[in-house]
N, C-alpha and C. Protein backbone atom coordinates (compact mmCIF):
# COMPACT_ATOMS: atom_id res chain seq x y z
N MET A 1 1.15 -1.34 5.69
CA MET A 1 1.96 -0.81 5.12
C MET A 1 3.24 -2.33 4.99
N LYS A 2 2.97 -3.26 4.22
CA LYS A 2 4.01 -4.17 4.66
C LYS A 2 5.42 -3.89 3.52
N LYS A 3 6.52 -4.06 3.65
CA LYS A 3 7.61 -3.62 3.25
C LYS A 3 8.06 -5.09 2.49
N ALA A 4 7.53 -5.70 3.09
CA ALA A 4 7.62 -7.48 1.86
C ALA A 4 6.93 -7.12 0.86
N THR A 5 5.27 -6.97 0.88
CA THR A 5 5.01 -6.52 0.08
C THR A 5 5.00 -5.09 -1.30
N VAL A 6 5.20 -4.63 -0.40
CA VAL A 6 5.95 -3.68 -1.89
C VAL A 6 6.75 -4.02 -2.45
N GLN A 7 7.71 -4.94 -1.79
CA GLN A 7 9.60 -5.27 -2.58
C GLN A 7 8.79 -6.12 -3.51
N LYS A 8 7.84 -6.82 -3.14
CA LYS A 8 7.08 -8.29 -4.61
C LYS A 8 6.74 -7.17 -4.74
N ALA A 9 5.62 -6.83 -5.02
CA ALA A 9 5.50 -5.33 -5.85
C ALA A 9 6.29 -5.10 -6.73
N ILE A 10 7.29 -4.19 -6.58
CA ILE A 10 8.63 -3.96 -7.24
C ILE A 10 8.94 -5.05 -8.31
N GLU A 11 9.38 -6.56 -7.90
CA GLU A 11 9.59 -7.33 -8.98
C GLU A 11 8.73 -8.03 -9.70
N ALA A 12 7.69 -7.65 -9.38
CA ALA A 12 6.02 -7.86 -10.23
C ALA A 12 6.54 -6.77 -10.94
N THR A 13 6.79 -5.80 -11.06
CA THR A 13 6.55 -5.04 -12.61
C THR A 13 7.41 -5.06 -13.05
N GLY A 14 8.81 -5.85 -12.92
CA GLY A 14 9.47 -5.89 -14.07
C GLY A 14 10.94 -4.57 -13.39
N ILE A 15 10.53 -3.39 -12.73
CA ILE A 15 11.52 -3.03 -13.06
C ILE A 15 12.76 -2.88 -11.34
N ALA A 16 13.69 -2.80 -12.26
CA ALA A 16 15.07 -3.55 -12.08
C ALA A 16 15.34 -1.93 -11.04
N PRO A 17 16.74 -2.75 -9.79
CA PRO A 17 16.87 -1.87 -8.86
C PRO A 17 17.56 -0.65 -9.37
N GLU A 18 18.03 -1.25 -10.35
CA GLU A 18 19.16 0.44 -10.77
C GLU A 18 17.44 1.61 -11.66
N LYS A 19 16.69 1.50 -11.47
CA LYS A 19 15.50 1.87 -11.83
C LYS A 19 14.62 2.43 -10.43
N LEU A 20 15.20 2.72 -9.20
CA LEU A 20 14.56 3.27 -8.23
C LEU A 20 15.31 4.82 -8.25
N GLY A 21 14.16 6.04 -7.61
CA GLY A 21 14.99 6.79 -7.84
C GLY A 21 16.09 7.63 -8.34
N GLU A 22 17.48 8.12 -7.23
CA GLU A 22 18.17 8.87 -8.06
C GLU A 22 19.13 8.03 -8.80
N GLU A 23 19.29 6.26 -8.37
CA GLU A 23 19.79 5.56 -9.55
C GLU A 23 19.05 5.46 -10.81
N ARG A 24 17.92 5.85 -10.72
CA ARG A 24 16.99 5.55 -12.61
C ARG A 24 18.50 6.18 -13.68
N ALA A 25 18.95 8.30 -13.83
CA ALA A 25 19.48 8.38 -14.16
C ALA A 25 20.82 8.36 -13.89
N GLU A 26 21.29 7.73 -12.85
CA GLU A 26 23.34 7.14 -13.25
C GLU A 26 23.84 7.37 -14.24
N ARG A 27 23.15 6.29 -15.07
CA ARG A 27 24.89 6.43 -16.39
C ARG A 27 24.22 7.17 -17.06
N LEU A 28 23.62 8.30 -16.97
CA LEU A 28 23.51 9.53 -17.77
C LEU A 28 24.78 10.81 -17.79
N ASN A 29 24.96 10.84 -18.46
CA ASN A 29 26.48 12.18 -18.53
C ASN A 29 25.63 13.64 -17.84
N ARG A 30 26.50 14.48 -17.79
CA ARG A 30 25.36 15.66 -17.37
C ARG A 30 24.59 16.37 -17.78
N GLY A 31 25.14 16.27 -19.45
CA GLY A 31 24.33 16.68 -20.65
C GLY A 31 22.56 16.15 -20.15
N GLU A 32 23.15 15.26 -20.65
CA GLU A 32 21.79 13.88 -20.76
C GLU A 32 20.89 14.06 -19.81
N ARG A 33 21.47 13.93 -18.44
CA ARG A 33 20.73 14.14 -16.80
C ARG A 33 19.90 15.57 -17.66
N ALA A 34 20.80 16.69 -17.67
CA ALA A 34 19.86 18.28 -17.57
C ALA A 34 18.53 17.84 -18.97
N LEU A 35 18.66 17.81 -19.54
CA LEU A 35 18.09 17.67 -20.78
C LEU A 35 16.37 16.72 -20.42
N TYR A 36 17.11 15.60 -19.59
CA TYR A 36 15.60 14.85 -19.02
C TYR A 36 15.15 14.90 -18.39
N GLU A 37 15.81 16.07 -16.92
CA GLU A 37 15.36 16.70 -15.88
C GLU A 37 14.51 17.84 -16.87
N TRP A 38 14.86 18.86 -18.04
CA TRP A 38 14.31 19.18 -18.30
C TRP A 38 12.69 18.61 -19.05
N ILE A 39 12.58 17.53 -19.31
CA ILE A 39 12.40 17.16 -20.16
C ILE A 39 10.58 16.52 -19.59
N LEU A 40 11.45 16.48 -18.10
CA LEU A 40 10.10 16.12 -16.70
C LEU A 40 8.71 17.45 -16.36
N LYS A 41 10.03 18.45 -16.32
CA LYS A 41 9.57 19.44 -16.04
C LYS A 41 9.07 20.32 -16.94
N SER A 42 9.48 19.77 -17.67
CA SER A 42 8.36 20.49 -19.09
C SER A 42 6.91 20.10 -19.11
N PHE A 43 6.91 18.88 -19.22
CA PHE A 43 5.81 18.13 -18.73
C PHE A 43 4.74 18.31 -17.46
N ALA A 44 5.63 18.97 -16.42
CA ALA A 44 4.78 19.26 -15.34
C ALA A 44 3.91 20.70 -15.59
N THR A 45 4.35 21.60 -16.40
CA THR A 45 3.90 22.82 -16.69
C THR A 45 2.31 22.41 -17.56
N GLY A 46 1.95 21.01 -18.22
CA GLY A 46 0.81 20.83 -18.43
C GLY A 46 0.89 20.10 -19.57
N ALA A 47 2.34 19.75 -20.86
CA ALA A 47 2.02 19.71 -22.33
C ALA A 47 3.44 18.83 -22.18
N PRO A 48 3.41 18.15 -23.47
CA PRO A 48 4.78 17.50 -23.37
C PRO A 48 5.44 18.62 -24.57
N PRO A 49 6.86 18.65 -24.35
CA PRO A 49 7.89 19.84 -25.03
C PRO A 49 7.98 19.79 -26.32
N GLU A 50 7.68 20.40 -27.16
CA GLU A 50 8.18 20.92 -28.58
C GLU A 50 9.32 20.70 -28.65
N PRO A 51 9.61 20.12 -30.30
CA PRO A 51 10.87 19.82 -30.71
C PRO A 51 11.94 20.14 -30.94
N ASP A 52 10.94 21.37 -31.24
CA ASP A 52 11.92 23.02 -31.31
C ASP A 52 12.34 23.51 -30.19
N THR A 53 11.78 23.12 -28.86
CA THR A 53 12.17 23.85 -28.61
C THR A 53 13.04 22.75 -27.27
N MET A 54 13.09 21.65 -27.31
CA MET A 54 13.90 20.87 -26.75
C MET A 54 15.31 21.08 -27.59
N ALA A 55 15.16 20.94 -28.82
CA ALA A 55 16.31 20.96 -29.60
C ALA A 55 16.75 22.69 -28.85
N ASP A 56 15.97 23.39 -29.13
CA ASP A 56 16.90 24.63 -29.04
C ASP A 56 17.43 24.16 -27.41
N GLU A 57 16.98 23.12 -26.60
CA GLU A 57 17.63 23.22 -24.64
C GLU A 57 18.57 22.60 -24.85
N ALA A 58 19.15 21.77 -25.58
CA ALA A 58 19.46 20.66 -25.51
C ALA A 58 21.06 21.93 -26.25
N SER A 59 21.16 22.46 -27.57
CA SER A 59 21.52 23.07 -27.51
C SER A 59 22.00 24.58 -26.60
N ARG A 60 21.26 24.61 -25.65
CA ARG A 60 21.42 26.02 -25.09
C ARG A 60 22.43 24.64 -23.71
N LEU A 61 22.54 24.01 -23.59
CA LEU A 61 23.12 22.46 -22.58
C LEU A 61 24.62 21.93 -23.07
N GLU A 62 24.87 22.68 -24.55
CA GLU A 62 26.15 22.23 -25.51
C GLU A 62 25.90 20.22 -25.73
N ILE A 63 24.57 19.83 -26.12
CA ILE A 63 24.77 18.46 -26.23
C ILE A 63 23.50 18.70 -27.69
N GLU A 64 23.65 17.24 -28.51
CA GLU A 64 23.09 17.29 -29.50
C GLU A 64 21.75 16.12 -29.00
N VAL A 65 20.71 16.89 -29.66
CA VAL A 65 19.02 16.24 -29.37
C VAL A 65 19.27 14.89 -29.22
N GLU A 66 19.60 14.62 -31.19
CA GLU A 66 19.08 13.04 -30.74
C GLU A 66 19.76 12.00 -30.03
N PRO A 67 21.68 11.85 -29.97
CA PRO A 67 22.63 11.37 -29.53
C PRO A 67 21.47 11.04 -28.13
N ALA A 68 21.00 12.07 -27.50
CA ALA A 68 21.05 12.51 -26.42
C ALA A 68 19.74 11.90 -25.80
N LEU A 69 18.77 11.69 -27.00
CA LEU A 69 17.40 11.46 -27.24
C LEU A 69 17.66 9.98 -26.82
N ALA A 70 18.76 9.46 -27.67
CA ALA A 70 18.57 8.04 -28.27
C ALA A 70 19.63 6.90 -26.89
N ALA A 71 20.11 7.72 -25.66
CA ALA A 71 20.17 7.19 -24.56
C ALA A 71 19.20 7.66 -23.30
N LEU A 72 18.55 8.43 -23.82
CA LEU A 72 17.80 8.57 -22.69
C LEU A 72 16.45 7.30 -23.03
N ALA A 73 16.75 6.53 -24.52
CA ALA A 73 15.37 5.21 -24.92
C ALA A 73 16.46 4.24 -24.76
N ARG A 74 17.55 4.57 -24.28
CA ARG A 74 18.08 3.01 -24.15
C ARG A 74 18.52 2.38 -22.49
N GLU A 75 18.07 3.93 -22.10
CA GLU A 75 18.08 3.83 -20.95
C GLU A 75 16.42 3.52 -19.90
N ASP A 76 15.50 3.81 -21.27
CA ASP A 76 13.78 3.24 -20.78
C ASP A 76 13.51 4.36 -20.32
N LEU A 77 13.62 6.27 -20.36
CA LEU A 77 12.94 7.24 -19.49
C LEU A 77 12.61 7.87 -20.38
N VAL A 78 13.04 8.05 -21.77
CA VAL A 78 12.10 8.61 -22.19
C VAL A 78 11.93 7.98 -23.89
N HIS A 79 11.10 8.10 -24.39
CA HIS A 79 11.39 7.70 -25.68
C HIS A 79 10.08 8.62 -26.76
N HIS A 80 11.06 8.89 -28.29
CA HIS A 80 10.30 9.63 -28.78
C HIS A 80 9.91 9.20 -30.56
N ASP A 81 9.05 9.69 -31.14
CA ASP A 81 8.35 9.52 -32.38
C ASP A 81 10.22 9.78 -33.33
N PRO A 82 10.47 9.28 -33.44
CA PRO A 82 12.30 10.03 -34.80
C PRO A 82 11.66 10.37 -36.18
N ALA A 83 10.55 10.20 -36.42
CA ALA A 83 9.75 10.84 -37.36
C ALA A 83 9.40 12.56 -37.29
N THR A 84 8.60 12.61 -35.86
CA THR A 84 8.32 13.71 -35.58
C THR A 84 8.63 14.59 -34.11
N GLY A 85 9.57 13.61 -33.61
CA GLY A 85 10.32 14.39 -32.64
C GLY A 85 9.84 14.72 -31.88
N GLU A 86 8.28 14.05 -31.54
CA GLU A 86 7.11 13.66 -30.12
C GLU A 86 8.13 13.37 -29.34
N ILE A 87 7.57 13.80 -28.10
CA ILE A 87 7.93 12.54 -26.75
C ILE A 87 6.75 11.92 -26.75
N LEU A 88 7.06 10.44 -26.99
CA LEU A 88 5.35 9.61 -26.37
C LEU A 88 5.58 9.16 -25.03
N VAL A 89 6.44 8.96 -24.16
CA VAL A 89 7.17 8.70 -22.74
C VAL A 89 7.86 8.83 -22.37
N ALA A 90 7.57 9.62 -21.11
CA ALA A 90 8.54 10.33 -20.43
C ALA A 90 8.05 10.33 -19.01
N TYR A 91 8.69 8.51 -17.86
CA TYR A 91 8.09 7.86 -17.12
C TYR A 91 7.90 9.12 -15.77
N PRO A 92 7.40 9.97 -15.18
CA PRO A 92 5.82 8.74 -15.00
C PRO A 92 5.13 9.54 -16.02
N PHE A 93 5.43 10.08 -17.21
CA PHE A 93 3.97 11.01 -17.88
C PHE A 93 3.90 10.22 -19.35
N SER A 94 2.66 10.67 -20.12
CA SER A 94 2.39 10.59 -20.96
C SER A 94 1.99 11.29 -21.77
N GLY A 95 2.45 11.25 -23.04
CA GLY A 95 2.41 12.27 -24.41
C GLY A 95 1.27 12.51 -24.63
N ARG A 96 0.95 11.20 -24.48
CA ARG A 96 -0.84 11.23 -25.43
C ARG A 96 -1.43 10.14 -24.02
N PRO A 97 -3.22 10.90 -24.58
CA PRO A 97 -3.72 10.22 -23.21
C PRO A 97 -3.68 9.13 -23.29
N THR A 98 -3.97 8.83 -21.93
CA THR A 98 -4.23 7.41 -21.02
C THR A 98 -4.91 7.43 -20.30
N THR A 99 -5.56 5.94 -19.60
CA THR A 99 -6.58 5.94 -18.51
C THR A 99 -6.31 6.99 -17.23
N HIS A 100 -5.16 7.67 -17.08
CA HIS A 100 -4.82 7.99 -15.90
C HIS A 100 -4.40 9.34 -15.43
N ARG A 101 -6.08 10.41 -15.46
CA ARG A 101 -5.28 11.55 -15.87
C ARG A 101 -5.42 12.54 -14.55
N VAL A 102 -4.25 13.13 -14.87
CA VAL A 102 -3.10 13.68 -13.05
C VAL A 102 -3.66 15.16 -13.53
N ARG A 103 -4.09 15.84 -12.06
CA ARG A 103 -4.50 17.04 -12.07
C ARG A 103 -3.75 17.86 -10.94
N ILE A 104 -2.28 18.64 -11.61
CA ILE A 104 -1.18 18.59 -10.65
C ILE A 104 -1.33 20.31 -9.93
N ASP A 105 -1.19 19.75 -8.32
CA ASP A 105 -1.28 21.17 -7.08
C ASP A 105 -2.58 21.80 -7.84
N GLY A 106 -3.51 21.67 -8.30
CA GLY A 106 -5.33 21.77 -8.99
C GLY A 106 -5.29 22.67 -9.99
N ARG A 107 -4.11 22.37 -10.30
CA ARG A 107 -3.82 23.47 -12.25
C ARG A 107 -3.43 23.31 -13.47
N GLU A 108 -2.85 22.76 -13.87
CA GLU A 108 -2.25 21.59 -15.33
C GLU A 108 -3.17 20.25 -14.45
N GLU A 109 -3.44 19.41 -16.34
CA GLU A 109 -3.94 18.04 -16.07
C GLU A 109 -3.18 17.12 -17.30
N VAL A 110 -2.20 16.21 -16.90
CA VAL A 110 -1.72 15.48 -17.45
C VAL A 110 -1.75 14.03 -17.76
N PHE A 111 -1.31 13.53 -18.09
CA PHE A 111 -1.39 11.64 -18.36
C PHE A 111 -0.76 11.08 -17.58
N ALA A 112 -0.52 10.28 -17.50
CA ALA A 112 0.40 9.39 -16.37
C ALA A 112 0.75 7.91 -17.55
N MET A 113 1.21 7.05 -17.20
CA MET A 113 1.68 5.96 -17.97
C MET A 113 0.62 5.26 -17.27
N CYS A 114 0.81 5.11 -16.20
CA CYS A 114 0.35 3.97 -15.64
C CYS A 114 -0.14 4.15 -14.26
N ALA A 115 -0.85 3.76 -13.46
CA ALA A 115 -1.13 3.36 -11.58
C ALA A 115 0.15 3.84 -10.99
N ILE A 116 0.64 3.42 -11.02
CA ILE A 116 2.30 3.80 -10.37
C ILE A 116 3.08 4.97 -10.66
N ASP A 117 2.99 4.73 -11.82
CA ASP A 117 3.80 6.44 -12.60
C ASP A 117 2.32 7.66 -11.76
N ALA A 118 1.07 7.46 -12.26
CA ALA A 118 -0.22 8.77 -11.58
C ALA A 118 0.63 9.09 -10.24
N LEU A 119 1.08 8.14 -9.44
CA LEU A 119 0.85 7.56 -7.73
C LEU A 119 2.66 8.19 -7.31
N GLY A 120 3.42 8.53 -8.50
CA GLY A 120 5.04 8.62 -7.92
C GLY A 120 4.72 10.65 -8.53
N ILE A 121 3.98 10.79 -8.91
CA ILE A 121 3.92 12.36 -10.04
C ILE A 121 4.09 13.24 -8.48
N ALA A 122 3.57 13.24 -7.33
CA ALA A 122 3.37 13.72 -6.22
C ALA A 122 4.69 14.53 -5.86
N PRO A 123 5.16 12.28 -5.08
CA PRO A 123 6.54 12.52 -4.54
C PRO A 123 7.55 13.24 -5.37
N MET A 124 7.36 13.14 -6.97
CA MET A 124 8.37 13.82 -7.71
C MET A 124 8.62 15.20 -7.49
N LEU A 125 7.78 15.49 -7.90
CA LEU A 125 7.38 17.15 -7.74
C LEU A 125 7.07 17.73 -6.21
N ALA A 126 7.02 17.16 -5.53
CA ALA A 126 7.00 17.96 -4.24
C ALA A 126 5.77 18.67 -3.43
N LEU A 127 4.40 17.71 -4.89
CA LEU A 127 3.28 19.29 -4.93
C LEU A 127 2.16 17.83 -5.38
N PRO A 128 1.01 18.32 -4.08
CA PRO A 128 0.24 17.51 -4.28
C PRO A 128 -0.59 17.36 -6.04
N VAL A 129 -1.51 16.15 -6.20
CA VAL A 129 -2.28 15.93 -6.90
C VAL A 129 -3.53 14.82 -7.01
N GLU A 130 -4.49 15.43 -8.04
CA GLU A 130 -5.79 14.68 -7.40
C GLU A 130 -5.32 13.65 -9.12
N ILE A 131 -5.87 12.20 -8.93
CA ILE A 131 -5.86 11.96 -10.38
C ILE A 131 -7.17 10.40 -10.07
N VAL A 132 -8.11 10.21 -11.17
CA VAL A 132 -8.71 10.13 -11.83
C VAL A 132 -8.63 8.93 -12.69
N SER A 133 -8.79 7.78 -12.03
CA SER A 133 -8.44 6.04 -13.48
C SER A 133 -9.70 6.17 -13.41
N ARG A 134 -9.71 4.69 -13.97
CA ARG A 134 -10.76 3.42 -14.76
C ARG A 134 -10.28 2.15 -14.35
N ASP A 135 -11.14 1.34 -14.02
CA ASP A 135 -11.16 0.15 -13.21
C ASP A 135 -11.58 -0.29 -14.98
N PRO A 136 -10.41 -1.16 -15.61
CA PRO A 136 -10.75 -1.61 -16.43
C PRO A 136 -11.58 -2.97 -17.02
N VAL A 137 -11.98 -3.27 -15.44
CA VAL A 137 -12.34 -4.47 -15.41
C VAL A 137 -14.38 -4.27 -15.37
N SER A 138 -14.43 -3.26 -14.48
CA SER A 138 -15.89 -3.15 -13.92
C SER A 138 -16.35 -1.82 -14.31
N GLY A 139 -15.70 -1.21 -15.29
CA GLY A 139 -15.49 0.75 -15.65
C GLY A 139 -15.51 1.63 -14.50
N GLY A 140 -16.05 1.48 -13.67
CA GLY A 140 -15.89 2.20 -12.63
C GLY A 140 -14.49 3.10 -12.37
N ASP A 141 -15.01 4.13 -11.44
CA ASP A 141 -13.91 5.59 -11.65
C ASP A 141 -13.91 5.08 -9.97
N VAL A 142 -11.89 5.41 -10.23
CA VAL A 142 -11.65 5.04 -9.12
C VAL A 142 -10.53 6.79 -8.68
N TRP A 143 -11.26 7.39 -7.71
CA TRP A 143 -10.31 8.41 -7.66
C TRP A 143 -9.73 8.37 -6.47
N VAL A 144 -8.30 9.24 -6.38
CA VAL A 144 -7.06 9.36 -5.33
C VAL A 144 -6.23 10.64 -5.46
N ARG A 145 -6.78 11.29 -4.28
CA ARG A 145 -5.95 12.52 -3.73
C ARG A 145 -4.92 12.56 -3.09
N LEU A 146 -3.30 12.37 -3.77
CA LEU A 146 -2.24 12.68 -2.79
C LEU A 146 -1.35 13.49 -2.77
N ASP A 147 -0.79 14.14 -1.43
CA ASP A 147 -0.35 15.17 -1.20
C ASP A 147 0.94 14.62 -0.67
N PRO A 148 1.79 14.77 -0.83
CA PRO A 148 3.20 14.60 -0.39
C PRO A 148 3.29 14.82 1.55
N GLY A 149 2.77 15.86 1.81
CA GLY A 149 2.66 16.20 3.20
C GLY A 149 1.64 16.08 4.15
N ASP A 150 0.52 16.14 4.07
CA ASP A 150 -1.33 15.66 4.28
C ASP A 150 -1.10 14.33 4.12
N GLY A 151 -0.94 12.96 3.31
CA GLY A 151 -1.42 12.04 3.41
C GLY A 151 -2.41 11.56 2.23
N ALA A 152 -3.06 10.89 2.03
CA ALA A 152 -3.85 10.39 1.67
C ALA A 152 -5.01 10.34 1.23
N TRP A 153 -6.03 10.10 0.02
CA TRP A 153 -7.12 9.81 0.52
C TRP A 153 -7.58 9.26 -1.13
N TRP A 154 -9.01 8.11 -0.79
CA TRP A 154 -9.04 8.28 -2.18
C TRP A 154 -10.04 7.04 -2.38
N GLU A 155 -11.27 7.11 -3.68
CA GLU A 155 -12.30 5.99 -3.68
C GLU A 155 -12.36 5.46 -4.66
N PRO A 156 -13.14 4.40 -4.72
CA PRO A 156 -13.79 3.83 -3.40
C PRO A 156 -12.94 2.97 -2.77
N THR A 157 -13.05 2.78 -1.13
CA THR A 157 -12.30 2.51 0.28
C THR A 157 -11.52 1.73 -0.10
N GLU A 158 -12.35 1.01 -1.21
CA GLU A 158 -11.69 -0.80 -1.65
C GLU A 158 -10.55 -1.31 -2.24
N ALA A 159 -10.49 -0.11 -3.07
CA ALA A 159 -9.49 0.25 -4.33
C ALA A 159 -8.03 -0.51 -4.10
N VAL A 160 -7.55 -0.79 -5.30
CA VAL A 160 -6.27 -1.21 -5.06
C VAL A 160 -5.33 -0.89 -6.77
N VAL A 161 -4.23 -1.37 -6.56
CA VAL A 161 -3.77 -1.12 -7.71
C VAL A 161 -2.92 -2.52 -8.21
N LEU A 162 -2.50 -3.00 -9.36
CA LEU A 162 -2.44 -4.15 -9.59
C LEU A 162 -1.35 -3.95 -10.16
N ALA A 163 0.14 -4.68 -9.27
CA ALA A 163 1.20 -4.36 -9.84
C ALA A 163 1.52 -5.81 -10.82
N ALA A 164 1.98 -5.62 -11.59
CA ALA A 164 2.36 -6.70 -12.61
C ALA A 164 2.79 -6.37 -13.60
N SER A 165 3.11 -7.38 -15.32
CA SER A 165 3.56 -7.07 -16.17
C SER A 165 3.52 -8.58 -17.11
N ALA A 166 3.29 -7.97 -18.21
CA ALA A 166 2.55 -9.23 -19.33
C ALA A 166 4.27 -9.65 -20.36
N ARG A 167 5.06 -8.79 -20.05
CA ARG A 167 6.40 -9.04 -21.37
C ARG A 167 7.71 -8.49 -20.43
N GLU A 168 8.36 -9.23 -21.61
CA GLU A 168 9.15 -8.09 -21.08
C GLU A 168 9.64 -7.11 -22.27
N GLY A 169 11.16 -6.65 -21.50
CA GLY A 169 11.77 -5.32 -22.23
C GLY A 169 11.25 -4.14 -21.52
N PRO A 170 10.69 -2.53 -22.26
CA PRO A 170 10.85 -1.78 -21.87
C PRO A 170 9.25 -1.37 -21.25
N SER A 171 9.49 -0.48 -20.10
CA SER A 171 8.13 -0.68 -18.86
C SER A 171 6.96 0.12 -20.12
N PHE A 172 7.19 0.69 -21.38
CA PHE A 172 6.18 0.83 -21.77
C PHE A 172 5.16 -0.49 -22.43
N GLU A 173 6.16 -1.02 -23.42
CA GLU A 173 5.46 -2.18 -23.30
C GLU A 173 5.11 -3.95 -22.28
N SER A 174 5.96 -3.18 -21.40
CA SER A 174 5.72 -4.41 -20.55
C SER A 174 5.00 -4.51 -19.56
N CYS A 175 4.54 -3.38 -18.65
CA CYS A 175 3.93 -3.40 -17.49
C CYS A 175 3.15 -2.44 -16.91
N CYS A 176 3.24 -0.93 -17.80
CA CYS A 176 2.55 0.07 -18.08
C CYS A 176 1.33 0.02 -18.58
N GLN A 177 0.51 -0.73 -19.09
CA GLN A 177 -0.92 -1.43 -19.67
C GLN A 177 -1.54 -2.01 -19.16
N VAL A 178 -0.54 -3.26 -17.72
CA VAL A 178 -1.71 -3.31 -16.47
C VAL A 178 -1.07 -3.35 -15.39
N LEU A 179 -0.58 -1.89 -15.06
CA LEU A 179 -0.61 -1.27 -13.94
C LEU A 179 -1.52 -0.63 -13.86
N ASN A 180 -2.56 -0.94 -13.35
CA ASN A 180 -3.99 -0.01 -13.39
C ASN A 180 -4.65 -0.30 -11.73
N PHE A 181 -5.13 1.28 -12.86
CA PHE A 181 -6.33 1.49 -10.47
C PHE A 181 -7.38 0.16 -10.78
N PHE A 182 -8.03 -0.67 -10.18
CA PHE A 182 -9.12 -1.00 -9.90
C PHE A 182 -10.10 -1.03 -8.43
N SER A 183 -11.72 -0.86 -8.60
CA SER A 183 -12.36 -0.50 -7.78
C SER A 183 -11.72 -1.57 -6.47
N SER A 184 -11.25 -3.04 -6.57
CA SER A 184 -11.32 -3.31 -5.58
C SER A 184 -10.52 -4.92 -6.22
N ALA A 185 -9.82 -4.89 -5.60
CA ALA A 185 -9.24 -7.00 -5.52
C ALA A 185 -9.61 -7.87 -6.06
N THR A 186 -11.19 -7.59 -5.68
CA THR A 186 -11.70 -8.91 -6.75
C THR A 186 -12.09 -8.19 -7.87
N THR A 187 -11.82 -7.47 -8.52
CA THR A 187 -12.11 -6.62 -10.27
C THR A 187 -10.82 -7.20 -10.13
N ALA A 188 -9.36 -7.47 -9.16
CA ALA A 188 -8.04 -6.79 -10.38
C ALA A 188 -7.89 -8.48 -10.12
N GLU A 189 -8.28 -9.32 -9.10
CA GLU A 189 -8.07 -10.94 -8.80
C GLU A 189 -8.61 -11.43 -10.56
N ARG A 190 -9.89 -10.86 -11.14
CA ARG A 190 -10.86 -11.36 -12.16
C ARG A 190 -10.08 -10.87 -13.63
N TYR A 191 -9.04 -9.44 -13.56
CA TYR A 191 -8.90 -9.05 -14.20
C TYR A 191 -7.24 -10.58 -14.56
N LEU A 192 -6.76 -10.94 -13.95
CA LEU A 192 -5.32 -11.55 -13.29
C LEU A 192 -5.75 -13.00 -14.30
N SER A 193 -7.03 -13.16 -13.40
CA SER A 193 -7.89 -15.06 -14.19
C SER A 193 -8.59 -15.32 -15.56
N GLU A 194 -8.70 -13.54 -16.12
CA GLU A 194 -9.36 -13.47 -17.34
C GLU A 194 -8.23 -13.36 -18.63
N ASN A 195 -6.96 -12.55 -18.25
CA ASN A 195 -5.70 -12.35 -18.69
C ASN A 195 -4.19 -12.80 -18.47
N PRO A 196 -4.31 -14.55 -18.71
CA PRO A 196 -2.92 -15.27 -17.88
C PRO A 196 -1.46 -14.78 -18.46
N THR A 197 -1.74 -13.87 -19.70
CA THR A 197 -0.02 -14.30 -19.58
C THR A 197 0.01 -12.66 -18.93
N VAL A 198 -0.33 -12.28 -18.10
CA VAL A 198 -0.03 -11.18 -16.65
C VAL A 198 -0.18 -12.14 -15.60
N THR A 199 1.25 -11.71 -14.80
CA THR A 199 1.82 -12.16 -13.56
C THR A 199 1.40 -10.67 -12.59
N GLY A 200 1.20 -10.76 -11.58
CA GLY A 200 1.06 -9.83 -10.98
C GLY A 200 0.70 -10.09 -9.68
N LEU A 201 0.11 -8.99 -8.43
CA LEU A 201 -0.50 -8.70 -7.55
C LEU A 201 -1.26 -7.98 -6.83
N PRO A 202 -2.69 -7.93 -6.48
CA PRO A 202 -3.13 -6.60 -5.99
C PRO A 202 -2.43 -5.84 -5.16
N ILE A 203 -2.27 -4.39 -4.70
CA ILE A 203 -1.60 -4.12 -3.50
C ILE A 203 -2.56 -2.83 -2.82
N THR A 204 -2.55 -2.53 -1.74
CA THR A 204 -3.21 -1.44 -1.28
C THR A 204 -2.96 -0.15 -2.01
N ILE A 205 -3.68 0.89 -1.41
CA ILE A 205 -3.24 2.22 -2.44
C ILE A 205 -1.71 2.49 -2.07
N PRO A 206 -1.97 2.36 -0.22
CA PRO A 206 -0.92 3.07 0.14
C PRO A 206 0.36 2.79 0.14
N GLU A 207 0.16 1.13 -0.19
CA GLU A 207 1.73 0.23 -0.70
C GLU A 207 1.90 0.53 -1.82
N ALA A 208 0.81 1.05 -3.29
CA ALA A 208 1.39 1.83 -4.50
C ALA A 208 1.69 2.69 -4.12
N ILE A 209 1.32 3.65 -3.02
CA ILE A 209 1.59 5.01 -3.04
C ILE A 209 3.41 4.85 -2.85
N GLU A 210 3.78 3.66 -2.00
CA GLU A 210 5.56 3.96 -1.37
C GLU A 210 5.82 3.12 -2.64
N VAL A 211 5.29 2.04 -3.57
CA VAL A 211 6.26 2.01 -4.84
C VAL A 211 6.61 2.91 -6.13
N GLY A 212 5.37 3.77 -6.29
CA GLY A 212 5.17 5.05 -6.80
C GLY A 212 6.68 5.85 -6.04
N ARG A 213 7.15 6.86 -4.61
CA ARG A 213 7.62 6.95 -3.87
C ARG A 213 9.08 6.62 -4.86
N LEU A 214 9.29 5.48 -4.02
CA LEU A 214 10.80 4.82 -4.58
C LEU A 214 10.88 5.21 -5.39
N ILE A 215 10.26 4.89 -6.70
CA ILE A 215 10.36 4.61 -8.09
C ILE A 215 10.39 6.15 -8.10
N PHE A 216 10.01 7.37 -8.46
CA PHE A 216 10.12 8.40 -9.22
C PHE A 216 10.58 9.61 -7.80
N GLY A 217 10.30 9.16 -6.79
CA GLY A 217 11.44 10.34 -5.57
C GLY A 217 11.81 11.58 -5.46
N ASN A 218 13.04 10.46 -6.01
CA ASN A 218 14.47 11.54 -5.86
C ASN A 218 15.17 11.83 -7.25
N ILE A 219 13.93 11.63 -8.14
CA ILE A 219 14.65 11.84 -9.51
C ILE A 219 14.91 13.56 -9.61
N LEU A 220 14.35 14.79 -9.20
CA LEU A 220 14.49 15.60 -9.40
C LEU A 220 15.04 16.06 -8.08
N ARG A 221 16.45 16.68 -8.38
CA ARG A 221 17.21 17.24 -7.85
C ARG A 221 16.99 18.54 -7.19
């Protein structure tokens, strides 16, 4: 694995240095940070938190839920539907189905926002995960098993991740839609050639795993 490539991959996604690891939540106050961690842990049980349950948790933490969610949105950590209270995004998790299905420790199944987010779940929770995704060009499945202690396995063996971005703005608008698994570097390069508004580079699965670790590995203290 080349550290220079990992750094280039992070830059290609548009993810700022202050969004890596513990720095992601640095600007939150204690109550906001606690609610943020609670939301992530709720997703890890297999489902987004219910709005009423989240409001109860905010009350327990002695904070108001709407201002706290506004702070999480400002930091591009969590986004919700103001009309329903539904959590739509809590990186690395998606509140709605995506092409990145992740089974945590052989039990709960969740959806990740993108390929890097899917790979970041294992180091964030310190649990093994199994990922099934789809190459948007060939339509073929990409399978990855990642164990924080024992290593990683993936098929096809030529699979890569496209580290890329399409526009400025929150990650769910700028890079999540294009940060995908591909069956090979060939299909990733084809995707880039067919989508001139997307800029980035294919990286190996081990390099993508390292990017996921750097972003999400130290969020839950």
